[in-house]
Amino acid sequence: MKGVRIAAVSAVCVLAAVWLCVAVYSSLTLPPTYDGSSVNVLDLYRDPENTDLSDPDGAAAVIVQENLSRTGAANNVASVVFDFRGFDTLGESFILLTAIAGTYVILSRKKKKDEKKEDASDEV
């Protein structure tokens, strides 16, 4: 019975976290993703040192131009991994917690059934 409570509480926590992530994500106005329309790929391939890449578009522009003011991280890669992907990491941890709780519930029920069978066979 205790395992069922743990599974129920973790399921409620997962649902609350998903609802919170959806609510926060839906309230954000996100820029379009990078489509590469401003980069001439042929020029980039022929002469990569002289290709102008100073004007990124879409989400790349937000990361490059507003990274320091939004995240406080001087490294763009670190800011994406640790700041912008925080909700993803939170979701993964809740999924792991739910999997552990579910495994515990399944294994504890089988163990209890085995113990009841042994007790019944001992009484006969």
C-alpha atoms as a PDB file:
ATOM      1  CA  MET A   1       0.000   0.000   0.000  1.00  0.00           C
ATOM      2  CA  LYS A   2       2.900   2.327   0.729  1.00  0.00           C
ATOM      3  CA  GLY A   3       4.287   1.797  -2.785  1.00  0.00           C
ATOM      4  CA  VAL A   4       0.951   2.735  -4.318  1.00  0.00           C
ATOM      5  CA  ARG A   5       0.992   5.992  -2.375  1.00  0.00           C
ATOM      6  CA  ILE A   6       4.510   6.738  -3.563  1.00  0.00           C
ATOM      7  CA  ALA A   7       3.511   6.067  -7.167  1.00  0.00           C
ATOM      8  CA  ALA A   8       0.397   8.243  -6.828  1.00  0.00           C
ATOM      9  CA  VAL A   9       2.329  11.130  -5.297  1.00  0.00           C
ATOM     10  CA  SER A  10       5.033  10.964  -7.980  1.00  0.00           C
ATOM     11  CA  ALA A  11       2.391  10.818 -10.720  1.00  0.00           C
ATOM     12  CA  VAL A  12       0.741  13.935  -9.305  1.00  0.00           C
ATOM     13  CA  CYS A  13       4.145  15.656  -9.121  1.00  0.00           C
ATOM     14  CA  VAL A  14       4.901  14.768 -12.749  1.00  0.00           C
ATOM     15  CA  LEU A  15       1.522  16.058 -13.913  1.00  0.00           C
ATOM     16  CA  ALA A  16       1.976  19.286 -11.935  1.00  0.00           C
ATOM     17  CA  ALA A  17       5.454  19.785 -13.394  1.00  0.00           C
ATOM     18  CA  VAL A  18       4.204  19.171 -16.932  1.00  0.00           C
ATOM     19  CA  TRP A  19       1.339  21.621 -16.382  1.00  0.00           C
ATOM     20  CA  LEU A  20       3.740  24.230 -15.010  1.00  0.00           C
ATOM     21  CA  CYS A  21       6.143  23.798 -17.949  1.00  0.00           C
ATOM     22  CA  VAL A  22       3.301  24.081 -20.466  1.00  0.00           C
ATOM     23  CA  ALA A  23       1.928  27.179 -18.728  1.00  0.00           C
ATOM     24  CA  VAL A  24       5.320  28.912 -18.673  1.00  0.00           C
ATOM     25  CA  TYR A  25       6.217  27.855 -22.220  1.00  0.00           C
ATOM     26  CA  SER A  26       2.891  28.988 -23.675  1.00  0.00           C
ATOM     27  CA  SER A  27       3.303  32.447 -22.129  1.00  0.00           C
ATOM     28  CA  LEU A  28       6.684  33.013 -23.802  1.00  0.00           C
ATOM     29  CA  THR A  29       7.017  34.676 -27.180  1.00  0.00           C
ATOM     30  CA  LEU A  30       9.762  32.755 -28.880  1.00  0.00           C
ATOM     31  CA  PRO A  31      11.603  33.957 -31.967  1.00  0.00           C
ATOM     32  CA  PRO A  32      11.610  31.787 -35.089  1.00  0.00           C
ATOM     33  CA  THR A  33      14.338  29.202 -35.297  1.00  0.00           C
ATOM     34  CA  TYR A  34      17.476  29.686 -37.371  1.00  0.00           C
ATOM     35  CA  ASP A  35      16.731  28.964 -41.011  1.00  0.00           C
ATOM     36  CA  GLY A  36      20.103  29.871 -42.522  1.00  0.00           C
ATOM     37  CA  SER A  37      18.579  32.202 -45.105  1.00  0.00           C
ATOM     38  CA  SER A  38      21.188  34.901 -44.504  1.00  0.00           C
ATOM     39  CA  VAL A  39      24.157  32.552 -45.058  1.00  0.00           C
ATOM     40  CA  ASN A  40      25.402  31.639 -48.519  1.00  0.00           C
ATOM     41  CA  VAL A  41      26.485  28.034 -48.014  1.00  0.00           C
ATOM     42  CA  LEU A  42      28.574  27.922 -51.178  1.00  0.00           C
ATOM     43  CA  ASP A  43      30.615  30.974 -50.098  1.00  0.00           C
ATOM     44  CA  LEU A  44      30.972  29.486 -46.629  1.00  0.00           C
ATOM     45  CA  TYR A  45      32.328  26.253 -48.124  1.00  0.00           C
ATOM     46  CA  ARG A  46      34.738  27.985 -50.532  1.00  0.00           C
ATOM     47  CA  ASP A  47      36.076  30.663 -48.196  1.00  0.00           C
ATOM     48  CA  PRO A  48      35.088  30.129 -44.534  1.00  0.00           C
ATOM     49  CA  GLU A  49      37.405  32.834 -43.137  1.00  0.00           C
ATOM     50  CA  ASN A  50      35.912  35.662 -45.185  1.00  0.00           C
ATOM     51  CA  THR A  51      32.245  34.702 -44.863  1.00  0.00           C
ATOM     52  CA  ASP A  52      30.199  37.196 -42.854  1.00  0.00           C
ATOM     53  CA  LEU A  53      28.470  35.398 -39.998  1.00  0.00           C
ATOM     54  CA  SER A  54      27.952  38.483 -37.830  1.00  0.00           C
ATOM     55  CA  ASP A  55      24.191  38.685 -38.409  1.00  0.00           C
ATOM     56  CA  PRO A  56      22.514  35.543 -37.064  1.00  0.00           C
ATOM     57  CA  ASP A  57      18.737  35.259 -37.383  1.00  0.00           C
ATOM     58  CA  GLY A  58      15.986  33.663 -35.319  1.00  0.00           C
ATOM     59  CA  ALA A  59      16.822  32.012 -32.019  1.00  0.00           C
ATOM     60  CA  ALA A  60      20.549  32.246 -32.788  1.00  0.00           C
ATOM     61  CA  ALA A  61      20.264  36.053 -32.752  1.00  0.00           C
ATOM     62  CA  VAL A  62      18.672  36.004 -29.307  1.00  0.00           C
ATOM     63  CA  ILE A  63      21.362  33.726 -27.930  1.00  0.00           C
ATOM     64  CA  VAL A  64      24.251  35.683 -29.427  1.00  0.00           C
ATOM     65  CA  GLN A  65      22.987  39.226 -28.809  1.00  0.00           C
ATOM     66  CA  GLU A  66      21.092  38.941 -25.529  1.00  0.00           C
ATOM     67  CA  ASN A  67      22.866  36.064 -23.815  1.00  0.00           C
ATOM     68  CA  LEU A  68      24.755  38.039 -21.181  1.00  0.00           C
ATOM     69  CA  SER A  69      21.804  40.193 -20.130  1.00  0.00           C
ATOM     70  CA  ARG A  70      19.357  37.261 -19.940  1.00  0.00           C
ATOM     71  CA  THR A  71      21.499  34.582 -18.324  1.00  0.00           C
ATOM     72  CA  GLY A  72      24.573  36.242 -16.881  1.00  0.00           C
ATOM     73  CA  ALA A  73      26.738  33.576 -18.532  1.00  0.00           C
ATOM     74  CA  ALA A  74      29.620  34.726 -20.686  1.00  0.00           C
ATOM     75  CA  ASN A  75      29.730  31.443 -22.608  1.00  0.00           C
ATOM     76  CA  ASN A  76      26.868  30.940 -25.078  1.00  0.00           C
ATOM     77  CA  VAL A  77      27.067  27.144 -25.036  1.00  0.00           C
ATOM     78  CA  ALA A  78      26.972  26.991 -21.236  1.00  0.00           C
ATOM     79  CA  SER A  79      23.991  29.337 -21.137  1.00  0.00           C
ATOM     80  CA  VAL A  80      22.016  27.150 -23.536  1.00  0.00           C
ATOM     81  CA  VAL A  81      22.829  23.944 -21.687  1.00  0.00           C
ATOM     82  CA  PHE A  82      22.305  25.210 -18.144  1.00  0.00           C
ATOM     83  CA  ASP A  83      19.807  28.056 -18.465  1.00  0.00           C
ATOM     84  CA  PHE A  84      17.589  27.555 -21.498  1.00  0.00           C
ATOM     85  CA  ARG A  85      17.335  23.764 -21.116  1.00  0.00           C
ATOM     86  CA  GLY A  86      16.406  23.852 -17.433  1.00  0.00           C
ATOM     87  CA  PHE A  87      12.802  22.801 -18.029  1.00  0.00           C
ATOM     88  CA  ASP A  88      14.008  19.831 -20.058  1.00  0.00           C
ATOM     89  CA  THR A  89      16.275  18.708 -17.232  1.00  0.00           C
ATOM     90  CA  LEU A  90      13.450  19.152 -14.714  1.00  0.00           C
ATOM     91  CA  GLY A  91      11.167  16.965 -16.831  1.00  0.00           C
ATOM     92  CA  GLU A  92      13.815  14.276 -17.190  1.00  0.00           C
ATOM     93  CA  SER A  93      14.332  14.137 -13.424  1.00  0.00           C
ATOM     94  CA  PHE A  94      10.587  13.719 -12.833  1.00  0.00           C
ATOM     95  CA  ILE A  95      10.472  10.923 -15.402  1.00  0.00           C
ATOM     96  CA  LEU A  96      13.350   9.195 -13.622  1.00  0.00           C
ATOM     97  CA  LEU A  97      11.599   9.582 -10.265  1.00  0.00           C
ATOM     98  CA  THR A  98       8.391   8.112 -11.683  1.00  0.00           C
ATOM     99  CA  ALA A  99      10.262   5.166 -13.206  1.00  0.00           C
ATOM    100  CA  ILE A 100      11.951   4.414  -9.881  1.00  0.00           C
ATOM    101  CA  ALA A 101       8.650   4.632  -7.984  1.00  0.00           C
ATOM    102  CA  GLY A 102       6.888   2.427 -10.545  1.00  0.00           C
ATOM    103  CA  THR A 103       9.642  -0.171 -10.395  1.00  0.00           C
ATOM    104  CA  TYR A 104       9.459  -0.186  -6.608  1.00  0.00           C
ATOM    105  CA  VAL A 105       5.686  -0.704  -6.685  1.00  0.00           C
ATOM    106  CA  ILE A 106       5.887  -3.561  -9.184  1.00  0.00           C
ATOM    107  CA  LEU A 107       8.703  -5.364  -7.374  1.00  0.00           C
ATOM    108  CA  SER A 108       7.190  -4.943  -3.902  1.00  0.00           C
ATOM    109  CA  ARG A 109       3.829  -6.395  -5.040  1.00  0.00           C
ATOM    110  CA  LYS A 110       5.504  -9.485  -6.499  1.00  0.00           C
ATOM    111  CA  LYS A 111       7.513  -9.955  -3.319  1.00  0.00           C
ATOM    112  CA  LYS A 112       4.353  -9.732  -1.180  1.00  0.00           C
ATOM    113  CA  LYS A 113       2.552 -12.284  -3.397  1.00  0.00           C
ATOM    114  CA  ASP A 114       5.497 -14.663  -3.098  1.00  0.00           C
ATOM    115  CA  GLU A 115       5.491 -14.277   0.701  1.00  0.00           C
ATOM    116  CA  LYS A 116       1.744 -14.994   0.866  1.00  0.00           C
ATOM    117  CA  LYS A 117       2.187 -18.149  -1.240  1.00  0.00           C
ATOM    118  CA  GLU A 118       4.983 -19.347   1.067  1.00  0.00           C
ATOM    119  CA  ASP A 119       2.850 -18.660   4.161  1.00  0.00           C
ATOM    120  CA  ALA A 120      -0.090 -20.542   2.662  1.00  0.00           C
ATOM    121  CA  SER A 121       2.086 -23.542   1.762  1.00  0.00           C
ATOM    122  CA  ASP A 122       3.623 -23.570   5.278  1.00  0.00           C
ATOM    123  CA  GLU A 123       0.179 -23.692   6.917  1.00  0.00           C
ATOM    124  CA  VAL A 124      -0.904 -26.759   4.917  1.00  0.00           C
END
